[in-house]
């Protein structure tokens, strides 16, 4: 489908980091990606649009303005939510992980109740591994912020998902970020 190809082309343009700041700054590009990532679109179009947003979120200068942009936050959190196709959820969570990797966003993402709820739900042991792995990597990023150490450790949901995913019976792909997040939180 032509729409999917156009979105995939936009996603390819994000591989050139010099494009990313300009692309996020262009309202038409930004709004096209947000609309294409929405629930009424075909999952392949959504995945391509979310992949482009993930690419834009790699650039440090984009991370804070992207997280502060309410429409993006809404699209990412709803796309990462339960009931969405796993590939769409994982793509949205990858974008959140990129946004969470900058100190300026770590505390604000953790303080956002919907973001916290979405990440914890996606990190539950009964979730698909691809979704769980990215959610755990996002939690690991958030555990790097000194301001988050105590509130994350005292959150029963965080303890539950990290300990459950760190269990020896789990795949190394989920154990590693769970153990690393526990390590960060032990530094409190």
N, C-alpha and C. Protein backbone atom coordinates (compact mmCIF):
# COMPACT_ATOMS: atom_id res chain seq x y z
N UNK A 1 0.84 -1.17 0.00
CA UNK A 1 0.00 0.00 0.00
C UNK A 1 0.89 1.25 0.00
N UNK A 2 0.44 2.25 -0.71
CA UNK A 2 1.24 3.46 -0.89
C UNK A 2 1.49 4.21 0.41
N UNK A 3 0.49 4.24 1.25
CA UNK A 3 0.64 4.95 2.54
C UNK A 3 1.73 4.29 3.38
N UNK A 4 1.72 2.97 3.44
CA UNK A 4 2.73 2.26 4.21
C UNK A 4 4.13 2.53 3.64
N UNK A 5 4.25 2.54 2.32
CA UNK A 5 5.56 2.81 1.70
C UNK A 5 6.02 4.23 2.00
N UNK A 6 5.11 5.18 1.95
CA UNK A 6 5.48 6.57 2.25
C UNK A 6 5.95 6.70 3.71
N UNK A 7 5.26 6.03 4.62
CA UNK A 7 5.65 6.07 6.03
C UNK A 7 6.98 5.37 6.25
N UNK A 8 7.19 4.27 5.55
CA UNK A 8 8.48 3.57 5.64
C UNK A 8 9.61 4.44 5.11
N UNK A 9 9.32 5.24 4.08
CA UNK A 9 10.33 6.16 3.55
C UNK A 9 10.66 7.23 4.59
N UNK A 10 9.64 7.76 5.25
CA UNK A 10 9.90 8.73 6.33
C UNK A 10 10.73 8.08 7.43
N UNK A 11 10.42 6.83 7.75
CA UNK A 11 11.19 6.12 8.76
C UNK A 11 12.65 6.00 8.31
N UNK A 12 12.88 5.71 7.03
CA UNK A 12 14.24 5.61 6.51
C UNK A 12 14.99 6.93 6.62
N UNK A 13 14.29 8.04 6.39
CA UNK A 13 14.92 9.35 6.49
C UNK A 13 15.45 9.62 7.90
N UNK A 14 14.84 8.99 8.91
CA UNK A 14 15.30 9.23 10.29
C UNK A 14 16.64 8.57 10.58
N UNK A 15 17.08 7.69 9.70
CA UNK A 15 18.40 7.05 9.90
C UNK A 15 19.53 8.06 9.76
N UNK A 16 19.30 9.14 9.01
CA UNK A 16 20.27 10.23 8.91
C UNK A 16 19.97 11.20 10.04
N UNK A 17 20.76 11.14 11.09
CA UNK A 17 20.49 11.92 12.31
C UNK A 17 20.36 13.41 12.03
N UNK A 18 21.01 13.90 10.98
CA UNK A 18 20.90 15.32 10.64
C UNK A 18 19.49 15.69 10.19
N UNK A 19 18.71 14.70 9.76
CA UNK A 19 17.32 14.97 9.33
C UNK A 19 16.37 15.10 10.52
N UNK A 20 16.70 14.47 11.63
CA UNK A 20 15.72 14.26 12.71
C UNK A 20 15.22 15.54 13.36
N UNK A 21 16.09 16.45 13.64
CA UNK A 21 15.67 17.70 14.29
C UNK A 21 14.73 18.47 13.38
N UNK A 22 15.10 18.55 12.12
CA UNK A 22 14.27 19.26 11.16
C UNK A 22 12.93 18.55 10.95
N UNK A 23 12.95 17.22 10.87
CA UNK A 23 11.71 16.48 10.66
C UNK A 23 10.74 16.69 11.80
N UNK A 24 11.23 16.60 13.06
CA UNK A 24 10.33 16.81 14.20
C UNK A 24 9.82 18.24 14.22
N UNK A 25 10.62 19.18 13.77
CA UNK A 25 10.21 20.59 13.76
C UNK A 25 9.19 20.93 12.69
N UNK A 26 9.03 20.08 11.69
CA UNK A 26 8.07 20.35 10.62
C UNK A 26 6.70 19.81 11.02
N UNK A 27 5.78 20.71 11.21
CA UNK A 27 4.45 20.35 11.69
C UNK A 27 3.76 19.30 10.82
N UNK A 28 3.87 19.44 9.50
CA UNK A 28 3.18 18.49 8.62
C UNK A 28 3.74 17.08 8.78
N UNK A 29 5.05 16.95 8.91
CA UNK A 29 5.67 15.63 9.11
C UNK A 29 5.23 15.07 10.46
N UNK A 30 5.35 15.90 11.48
CA UNK A 30 4.99 15.47 12.84
C UNK A 30 3.54 15.01 12.90
N UNK A 31 2.63 15.80 12.37
CA UNK A 31 1.20 15.47 12.45
C UNK A 31 0.85 14.27 11.58
N UNK A 32 1.53 14.10 10.46
CA UNK A 32 1.31 12.93 9.60
C UNK A 32 1.71 11.66 10.35
N UNK A 33 2.88 11.69 11.01
CA UNK A 33 3.33 10.52 11.76
C UNK A 33 2.40 10.22 12.92
N UNK A 34 1.96 11.24 13.62
CA UNK A 34 1.06 11.02 14.76
C UNK A 34 -0.28 10.44 14.30
N UNK A 35 -0.81 10.95 13.20
CA UNK A 35 -2.08 10.43 12.68
C UNK A 35 -1.91 8.98 12.21
N UNK A 36 -0.80 8.69 11.56
CA UNK A 36 -0.58 7.34 11.03
C UNK A 36 -0.31 6.33 12.15
N UNK A 37 0.12 6.79 13.30
CA UNK A 37 0.37 5.89 14.43
C UNK A 37 -0.90 5.62 15.23
N UNK A 38 -1.98 6.29 14.89
CA UNK A 38 -3.22 6.18 15.64
C UNK A 38 -3.95 4.86 15.44
N UNK A 39 -4.88 4.56 16.32
CA UNK A 39 -5.57 3.27 16.34
C UNK A 39 -6.42 2.96 15.12
N UNK A 40 -6.81 3.98 14.35
CA UNK A 40 -7.66 3.71 13.18
C UNK A 40 -6.86 3.25 11.96
N UNK A 41 -5.55 3.32 12.05
CA UNK A 41 -4.69 2.94 10.92
C UNK A 41 -4.39 1.44 10.91
N UNK A 42 -3.98 0.94 9.77
CA UNK A 42 -3.55 -0.46 9.64
C UNK A 42 -2.30 -0.66 10.50
N UNK A 43 -2.17 -1.81 11.16
CA UNK A 43 -1.00 -2.04 12.03
C UNK A 43 0.35 -1.84 11.35
N UNK A 44 0.48 -2.16 10.06
CA UNK A 44 1.77 -1.95 9.38
C UNK A 44 2.07 -0.47 9.22
N UNK A 45 1.05 0.33 8.95
CA UNK A 45 1.23 1.78 8.87
C UNK A 45 1.60 2.34 10.24
N UNK A 46 0.92 1.84 11.25
CA UNK A 46 1.22 2.29 12.62
C UNK A 46 2.65 1.96 13.00
N UNK A 47 3.07 0.74 12.66
CA UNK A 47 4.42 0.33 13.01
C UNK A 47 5.46 1.19 12.28
N UNK A 48 5.23 1.51 11.02
CA UNK A 48 6.16 2.37 10.28
C UNK A 48 6.20 3.78 10.88
N UNK A 49 5.04 4.31 11.22
CA UNK A 49 4.99 5.65 11.81
C UNK A 49 5.67 5.67 13.17
N UNK A 50 5.40 4.64 13.98
CA UNK A 50 6.04 4.56 15.30
C UNK A 50 7.54 4.34 15.15
N UNK A 51 7.95 3.61 14.12
CA UNK A 51 9.37 3.43 13.86
C UNK A 51 10.04 4.75 13.50
N UNK A 52 9.34 5.59 12.75
CA UNK A 52 9.88 6.92 12.42
C UNK A 52 9.97 7.77 13.69
N UNK A 53 8.96 7.70 14.54
CA UNK A 53 8.99 8.46 15.79
C UNK A 53 10.13 7.97 16.69
N UNK A 54 10.35 6.65 16.70
CA UNK A 54 11.49 6.08 17.42
C UNK A 54 12.80 6.67 16.88
N UNK A 55 12.92 6.73 15.55
CA UNK A 55 14.12 7.29 14.94
C UNK A 55 14.32 8.75 15.30
N UNK A 56 13.24 9.52 15.32
CA UNK A 56 13.34 10.93 15.70
C UNK A 56 13.75 11.09 17.16
N UNK A 57 13.35 10.13 17.99
CA UNK A 57 13.66 10.18 19.43
C UNK A 57 15.09 9.78 19.75
N UNK A 58 15.85 9.36 18.76
CA UNK A 58 17.25 9.01 18.99
C UNK A 58 18.09 10.28 19.22
N UNK A 59 17.70 11.36 18.59
CA UNK A 59 18.47 12.60 18.64
C UNK A 59 18.19 13.32 19.96
N UNK A 60 19.25 13.60 20.71
CA UNK A 60 19.11 14.21 22.03
C UNK A 60 18.29 15.49 22.01
N UNK A 61 18.49 16.33 21.02
CA UNK A 61 17.78 17.62 20.96
C UNK A 61 16.28 17.45 20.79
N UNK A 62 15.83 16.29 20.32
CA UNK A 62 14.39 16.05 20.13
C UNK A 62 13.71 15.47 21.37
N UNK A 63 14.47 14.85 22.26
CA UNK A 63 13.88 14.03 23.32
C UNK A 63 12.94 14.80 24.25
N UNK A 64 13.37 15.93 24.76
CA UNK A 64 12.51 16.68 25.69
C UNK A 64 11.30 17.27 24.96
N UNK A 65 11.49 17.97 23.82
CA UNK A 65 10.30 18.50 23.15
C UNK A 65 9.32 17.42 22.70
N UNK A 66 9.84 16.26 22.34
CA UNK A 66 8.93 15.19 21.93
C UNK A 66 8.10 14.71 23.12
N UNK A 67 8.74 14.48 24.28
CA UNK A 67 7.98 14.00 25.43
C UNK A 67 6.99 15.05 25.91
N UNK A 68 7.35 16.30 25.80
CA UNK A 68 6.46 17.38 26.25
C UNK A 68 5.31 17.64 25.29
N UNK A 69 5.37 17.08 24.09
CA UNK A 69 4.31 17.27 23.11
C UNK A 69 3.17 16.30 23.44
N UNK A 70 2.11 16.84 23.97
CA UNK A 70 1.00 16.02 24.49
C UNK A 70 0.43 15.02 23.50
N UNK A 71 0.28 15.41 22.24
CA UNK A 71 -0.29 14.50 21.25
C UNK A 71 0.62 13.29 21.03
N UNK A 72 1.94 13.50 21.06
CA UNK A 72 2.86 12.38 20.90
C UNK A 72 2.77 11.44 22.10
N UNK A 73 2.78 12.03 23.27
CA UNK A 73 2.69 11.23 24.49
C UNK A 73 1.42 10.36 24.46
N UNK A 74 0.30 10.97 24.08
CA UNK A 74 -0.96 10.23 24.00
C UNK A 74 -0.88 9.07 23.00
N UNK A 75 -0.32 9.32 21.82
CA UNK A 75 -0.21 8.28 20.79
C UNK A 75 0.70 7.16 21.26
N UNK A 76 1.86 7.51 21.85
CA UNK A 76 2.79 6.47 22.29
C UNK A 76 2.19 5.62 23.40
N UNK A 77 1.57 6.26 24.38
CA UNK A 77 1.03 5.50 25.50
C UNK A 77 -0.17 4.65 25.10
N UNK A 78 -1.02 5.17 24.23
CA UNK A 78 -2.16 4.34 23.80
C UNK A 78 -1.68 3.21 22.89
N UNK A 79 -0.67 3.46 22.05
CA UNK A 79 -0.15 2.41 21.17
C UNK A 79 0.60 1.33 21.94
N UNK A 80 1.15 1.68 23.09
CA UNK A 80 1.88 0.72 23.92
C UNK A 80 0.95 -0.04 24.86
N UNK A 81 -0.31 0.30 24.87
CA UNK A 81 -1.25 -0.28 25.82
C UNK A 81 -1.73 -1.67 25.47
N UNK A 82 -2.29 -2.31 26.46
CA UNK A 82 -2.83 -3.66 26.29
C UNK A 82 -3.94 -3.63 25.26
N UNK A 83 -4.05 -4.70 24.50
CA UNK A 83 -5.08 -4.79 23.47
C UNK A 83 -4.59 -4.37 22.10
N UNK A 84 -3.42 -3.73 22.04
CA UNK A 84 -2.84 -3.35 20.75
C UNK A 84 -2.01 -4.52 20.22
N UNK A 85 -1.80 -4.59 18.89
CA UNK A 85 -0.96 -5.66 18.34
C UNK A 85 0.45 -5.59 18.95
N UNK A 86 1.06 -6.74 19.24
CA UNK A 86 2.38 -6.75 19.88
C UNK A 86 3.45 -5.95 19.14
N UNK A 87 3.45 -6.01 17.80
CA UNK A 87 4.48 -5.26 17.07
C UNK A 87 4.27 -3.75 17.21
N UNK A 88 3.03 -3.31 17.29
CA UNK A 88 2.72 -1.89 17.50
C UNK A 88 3.15 -1.49 18.92
N UNK A 89 2.82 -2.33 19.89
CA UNK A 89 3.19 -2.04 21.28
C UNK A 89 4.70 -1.92 21.43
N UNK A 90 5.43 -2.88 20.86
CA UNK A 90 6.89 -2.87 20.98
C UNK A 90 7.48 -1.63 20.30
N UNK A 91 6.94 -1.23 19.16
CA UNK A 91 7.44 -0.03 18.47
C UNK A 91 7.20 1.23 19.31
N UNK A 92 6.03 1.33 19.91
CA UNK A 92 5.74 2.49 20.76
C UNK A 92 6.64 2.49 21.99
N UNK A 93 6.86 1.33 22.57
CA UNK A 93 7.72 1.22 23.75
C UNK A 93 9.17 1.55 23.42
N UNK A 94 9.62 1.22 22.21
CA UNK A 94 10.99 1.58 21.81
C UNK A 94 11.15 3.10 21.75
N UNK A 95 10.13 3.77 21.25
CA UNK A 95 10.19 5.24 21.21
C UNK A 95 10.22 5.80 22.64
N UNK A 96 9.40 5.23 23.52
CA UNK A 96 9.41 5.68 24.92
C UNK A 96 10.78 5.41 25.55
N UNK A 97 11.37 4.27 25.25
CA UNK A 97 12.70 3.96 25.78
C UNK A 97 13.71 5.01 25.33
N UNK A 98 13.67 5.39 24.06
CA UNK A 98 14.59 6.44 23.58
C UNK A 98 14.35 7.75 24.32
N UNK A 99 13.10 8.10 24.50
CA UNK A 99 12.78 9.36 25.19
C UNK A 99 13.21 9.30 26.66
N UNK A 100 13.18 8.10 27.24
CA UNK A 100 13.55 7.93 28.65
C UNK A 100 15.06 7.93 28.87
N UNK A 101 15.83 7.92 27.81
CA UNK A 101 17.28 7.80 27.96
C UNK A 101 17.98 9.13 28.23
N UNK A 102 17.24 10.21 28.29
CA UNK A 102 17.85 11.51 28.59
C UNK A 102 17.45 11.91 30.00
N UNK A 103 18.43 12.38 30.79
CA UNK A 103 18.13 12.74 32.19
C UNK A 103 16.97 13.74 32.34
N UNK A 104 16.81 14.61 31.37
CA UNK A 104 15.74 15.62 31.45
C UNK A 104 14.35 15.01 31.39
N UNK A 105 14.21 13.81 30.84
CA UNK A 105 12.90 13.16 30.74
C UNK A 105 12.67 12.08 31.78
N UNK A 106 13.72 11.56 32.37
CA UNK A 106 13.58 10.39 33.24
C UNK A 106 12.57 10.61 34.37
N UNK A 107 12.68 11.71 35.07
CA UNK A 107 11.79 11.95 36.20
C UNK A 107 10.36 12.25 35.72
N UNK A 108 10.24 13.06 34.66
CA UNK A 108 8.88 13.41 34.20
C UNK A 108 8.14 12.20 33.64
N UNK A 109 8.85 11.28 33.00
CA UNK A 109 8.18 10.07 32.50
C UNK A 109 7.72 9.22 33.68
N UNK A 110 8.59 9.06 34.69
CA UNK A 110 8.19 8.25 35.84
C UNK A 110 7.01 8.89 36.58
N UNK A 111 7.00 10.21 36.70
CA UNK A 111 5.91 10.90 37.41
C UNK A 111 4.58 10.83 36.66
N UNK A 112 4.61 10.59 35.37
CA UNK A 112 3.40 10.52 34.58
C UNK A 112 2.68 9.20 34.89
N UNK A 113 1.54 9.29 35.52
CA UNK A 113 0.82 8.09 35.98
C UNK A 113 0.48 7.14 34.84
N UNK A 114 0.05 7.67 33.71
CA UNK A 114 -0.30 6.80 32.58
C UNK A 114 0.94 6.12 32.02
N UNK A 115 2.06 6.83 31.95
CA UNK A 115 3.31 6.24 31.45
C UNK A 115 3.76 5.12 32.39
N UNK A 116 3.71 5.40 33.68
CA UNK A 116 4.11 4.41 34.68
C UNK A 116 3.23 3.16 34.58
N UNK A 117 1.93 3.37 34.52
CA UNK A 117 0.97 2.26 34.42
C UNK A 117 1.19 1.45 33.14
N UNK A 118 1.43 2.14 32.02
CA UNK A 118 1.63 1.47 30.73
C UNK A 118 2.90 0.63 30.75
N UNK A 119 4.00 1.19 31.29
CA UNK A 119 5.26 0.45 31.33
C UNK A 119 5.17 -0.76 32.25
N UNK A 120 4.55 -0.59 33.40
CA UNK A 120 4.43 -1.71 34.33
C UNK A 120 3.55 -2.82 33.77
N UNK A 121 2.46 -2.45 33.12
CA UNK A 121 1.58 -3.46 32.52
C UNK A 121 2.31 -4.22 31.40
N UNK A 122 3.09 -3.50 30.62
CA UNK A 122 3.81 -4.13 29.51
C UNK A 122 4.96 -5.02 30.00
N UNK A 123 5.43 -4.78 31.22
CA UNK A 123 6.54 -5.56 31.77
C UNK A 123 6.09 -6.79 32.55
N UNK A 124 4.79 -7.02 32.65
CA UNK A 124 4.28 -8.18 33.39
C UNK A 124 4.76 -9.47 32.72
N UNK A 125 5.00 -10.49 33.52
CA UNK A 125 5.57 -11.75 33.04
C UNK A 125 4.68 -12.44 32.01
N UNK A 126 3.38 -12.22 32.06
CA UNK A 126 2.50 -12.89 31.11
C UNK A 126 2.39 -12.15 29.78
N UNK A 127 3.10 -11.04 29.62
CA UNK A 127 3.10 -10.31 28.35
C UNK A 127 4.03 -10.99 27.35
N UNK A 128 3.83 -10.72 26.07
CA UNK A 128 4.71 -11.26 25.04
C UNK A 128 6.13 -10.75 25.28
N UNK A 129 7.10 -11.61 25.05
CA UNK A 129 8.50 -11.29 25.38
C UNK A 129 9.00 -10.02 24.69
N UNK A 130 8.65 -9.82 23.43
CA UNK A 130 9.15 -8.63 22.70
C UNK A 130 8.64 -7.34 23.35
N UNK A 131 7.43 -7.36 23.85
CA UNK A 131 6.84 -6.20 24.52
C UNK A 131 7.49 -6.03 25.89
N UNK A 132 7.59 -7.12 26.61
CA UNK A 132 8.15 -7.10 27.96
C UNK A 132 9.59 -6.60 27.97
N UNK A 133 10.38 -7.08 27.03
CA UNK A 133 11.79 -6.71 26.97
C UNK A 133 11.96 -5.19 26.83
N UNK A 134 11.20 -4.58 25.93
CA UNK A 134 11.35 -3.13 25.71
C UNK A 134 10.81 -2.36 26.91
N UNK A 135 9.73 -2.83 27.51
CA UNK A 135 9.20 -2.16 28.71
C UNK A 135 10.22 -2.21 29.84
N UNK A 136 10.88 -3.34 30.01
CA UNK A 136 11.91 -3.47 31.05
C UNK A 136 13.11 -2.58 30.75
N UNK A 137 13.48 -2.45 29.50
CA UNK A 137 14.58 -1.55 29.13
C UNK A 137 14.20 -0.10 29.42
N UNK A 138 12.95 0.24 29.22
CA UNK A 138 12.49 1.59 29.55
C UNK A 138 12.55 1.82 31.06
N UNK A 139 12.09 0.85 31.84
CA UNK A 139 12.17 0.97 33.30
C UNK A 139 13.62 1.07 33.76
N UNK A 140 14.49 0.35 33.10
CA UNK A 140 15.92 0.41 33.42
C UNK A 140 16.45 1.82 33.16
N UNK A 141 16.07 2.44 32.05
CA UNK A 141 16.47 3.82 31.77
C UNK A 141 15.99 4.75 32.88
N UNK A 142 14.73 4.59 33.28
CA UNK A 142 14.16 5.47 34.31
C UNK A 142 14.86 5.28 35.65
N UNK A 143 15.35 4.07 35.91
CA UNK A 143 16.04 3.79 37.18
C UNK A 143 17.43 4.44 37.23
N UNK A 144 17.86 5.04 36.15
CA UNK A 144 19.14 5.77 36.13
C UNK A 144 19.03 7.15 36.76
N UNK A 145 17.83 7.64 36.97
CA UNK A 145 17.64 8.98 37.52
C UNK A 145 17.63 8.92 39.05
N UNK A 146 18.48 9.68 39.66
CA UNK A 146 18.56 9.71 41.12
C UNK A 146 17.21 10.03 41.75
N UNK A 147 16.47 10.95 41.15
CA UNK A 147 15.16 11.34 41.67
C UNK A 147 14.14 10.21 41.61
N UNK A 148 14.40 9.21 40.77
CA UNK A 148 13.45 8.10 40.62
C UNK A 148 13.77 6.92 41.52
N UNK A 149 14.96 6.85 42.10
CA UNK A 149 15.37 5.66 42.82
C UNK A 149 14.42 5.28 43.95
N UNK A 150 14.14 6.21 44.84
CA UNK A 150 13.27 5.89 45.96
C UNK A 150 11.83 5.62 45.53
N UNK A 151 11.23 6.53 44.72
CA UNK A 151 9.83 6.25 44.33
C UNK A 151 9.67 4.97 43.51
N UNK A 152 10.66 4.63 42.72
CA UNK A 152 10.54 3.38 41.96
C UNK A 152 10.68 2.18 42.88
N UNK A 153 11.62 2.23 43.81
CA UNK A 153 11.83 1.08 44.69
C UNK A 153 10.64 0.87 45.62
N UNK A 154 10.00 1.94 46.04
CA UNK A 154 8.86 1.80 46.95
C UNK A 154 7.56 1.46 46.22
N UNK A 155 7.59 1.45 44.90
CA UNK A 155 6.42 1.09 44.10
C UNK A 155 6.34 -0.44 44.02
N UNK A 156 5.29 -1.02 44.57
CA UNK A 156 5.15 -2.47 44.60
C UNK A 156 5.12 -3.09 43.20
N UNK A 157 4.53 -2.37 42.24
CA UNK A 157 4.48 -2.88 40.88
C UNK A 157 5.86 -3.01 40.27
N UNK A 158 6.72 -2.05 40.54
CA UNK A 158 8.10 -2.11 40.02
C UNK A 158 8.82 -3.31 40.60
N UNK A 159 8.75 -3.44 41.90
CA UNK A 159 9.42 -4.58 42.55
C UNK A 159 8.91 -5.90 41.98
N UNK A 160 7.60 -6.01 41.85
CA UNK A 160 7.00 -7.26 41.37
C UNK A 160 7.49 -7.61 39.96
N UNK A 161 7.42 -6.65 39.01
CA UNK A 161 7.79 -6.99 37.64
C UNK A 161 9.30 -7.20 37.49
N UNK A 162 10.10 -6.44 38.22
CA UNK A 162 11.55 -6.63 38.10
C UNK A 162 11.99 -7.96 38.68
N UNK A 163 11.49 -8.29 39.86
CA UNK A 163 11.88 -9.55 40.49
C UNK A 163 11.37 -10.73 39.67
N UNK A 164 10.14 -10.66 39.19
CA UNK A 164 9.58 -11.76 38.40
C UNK A 164 10.36 -11.96 37.10
N UNK A 165 10.75 -10.88 36.45
CA UNK A 165 11.48 -10.98 35.19
C UNK A 165 12.96 -11.32 35.38
N UNK A 166 13.48 -11.09 36.58
CA UNK A 166 14.88 -11.43 36.88
C UNK A 166 15.05 -12.91 37.23
N UNK A 167 13.94 -13.61 37.39
CA UNK A 167 13.98 -15.02 37.77
C UNK A 167 14.77 -15.83 36.74
N UNK A 168 15.49 -16.82 37.23
CA UNK A 168 16.33 -17.67 36.39
C UNK A 168 15.53 -18.40 35.30
N UNK A 169 14.23 -18.56 35.49
CA UNK A 169 13.40 -19.25 34.50
C UNK A 169 13.09 -18.36 33.29
N UNK A 170 13.38 -17.08 33.37
CA UNK A 170 13.06 -16.15 32.29
C UNK A 170 14.18 -16.11 31.24
N UNK A 171 13.84 -15.66 30.07
CA UNK A 171 14.81 -15.51 28.97
C UNK A 171 15.87 -14.48 29.35
N UNK A 172 17.10 -14.69 28.92
CA UNK A 172 18.16 -13.70 29.18
C UNK A 172 17.80 -12.31 28.64
N UNK A 173 16.99 -12.25 27.58
CA UNK A 173 16.61 -10.95 27.02
C UNK A 173 15.75 -10.12 27.95
N UNK A 174 15.02 -10.76 28.84
CA UNK A 174 14.23 -10.01 29.82
C UNK A 174 14.95 -9.97 31.18
N UNK A 175 15.72 -10.98 31.47
CA UNK A 175 16.45 -11.00 32.75
C UNK A 175 17.47 -9.87 32.83
N UNK A 176 18.19 -9.65 31.73
CA UNK A 176 19.26 -8.64 31.75
C UNK A 176 18.74 -7.25 32.11
N UNK A 177 17.72 -6.70 31.43
CA UNK A 177 17.26 -5.36 31.83
C UNK A 177 16.62 -5.36 33.23
N UNK A 178 15.97 -6.45 33.61
CA UNK A 178 15.37 -6.51 34.95
C UNK A 178 16.46 -6.47 36.02
N UNK A 179 17.52 -7.25 35.82
CA UNK A 179 18.63 -7.26 36.78
C UNK A 179 19.36 -5.92 36.81
N UNK A 180 19.53 -5.33 35.64
CA UNK A 180 20.20 -4.03 35.58
C UNK A 180 19.37 -2.96 36.28
N UNK A 181 18.07 -2.99 36.11
CA UNK A 181 17.20 -2.02 36.81
C UNK A 181 17.27 -2.24 38.32
N UNK A 182 17.27 -3.50 38.75
CA UNK A 182 17.41 -3.79 40.18
C UNK A 182 18.75 -3.27 40.70
N UNK A 183 19.80 -3.42 39.91
CA UNK A 183 21.10 -2.90 40.30
C UNK A 183 21.04 -1.39 40.49
N UNK A 184 20.46 -0.68 39.51
CA UNK A 184 20.36 0.79 39.62
C UNK A 184 19.57 1.18 40.87
N UNK A 185 18.47 0.48 41.12
CA UNK A 185 17.64 0.81 42.27
C UNK A 185 18.33 0.49 43.59
N UNK A 186 19.24 -0.47 43.59
CA UNK A 186 19.96 -0.80 44.83
C UNK A 186 20.97 0.28 45.20
N UNK A 187 21.22 1.19 44.32
CA UNK A 187 22.17 2.28 44.58
C UNK A 187 21.53 3.44 45.34
N UNK A 188 20.27 3.31 45.67
CA UNK A 188 19.55 4.40 46.36
C UNK A 188 20.11 4.65 47.75
